């Protein structure tokens, strides 16, 4: 796992901070302080690309609707195919949460 190269107290602190956030408003506030708007949008874009790939969308459609480059789409697809299944897990849990919250 590539993240093992980064593993350490600083990254643990970041992940614990994210896990401590209690609702979407806290997430907005935390990420606004932590990241630039472009960084946040890039993360959100990757998750949307993953969702669209899982639904079978074409690269062209994804590129048109999200503005993601083909390199980004390919990277996300590689993670979906050969990664840790974290996109699947996160998308599934997010969908369940939205459904239970009625959003």
Foldseek 3Di string as FASTA:
>chain_A
DVCVVVDDDVVVVVVVVVVPDDDPVSVVVVCVVVDPPVVVLVVVLLLVLLVCVVVPDDPVVSCVPRVDDVVSSVVSVCCCVPNDCVSVVVVVVVVVVCVVVVD
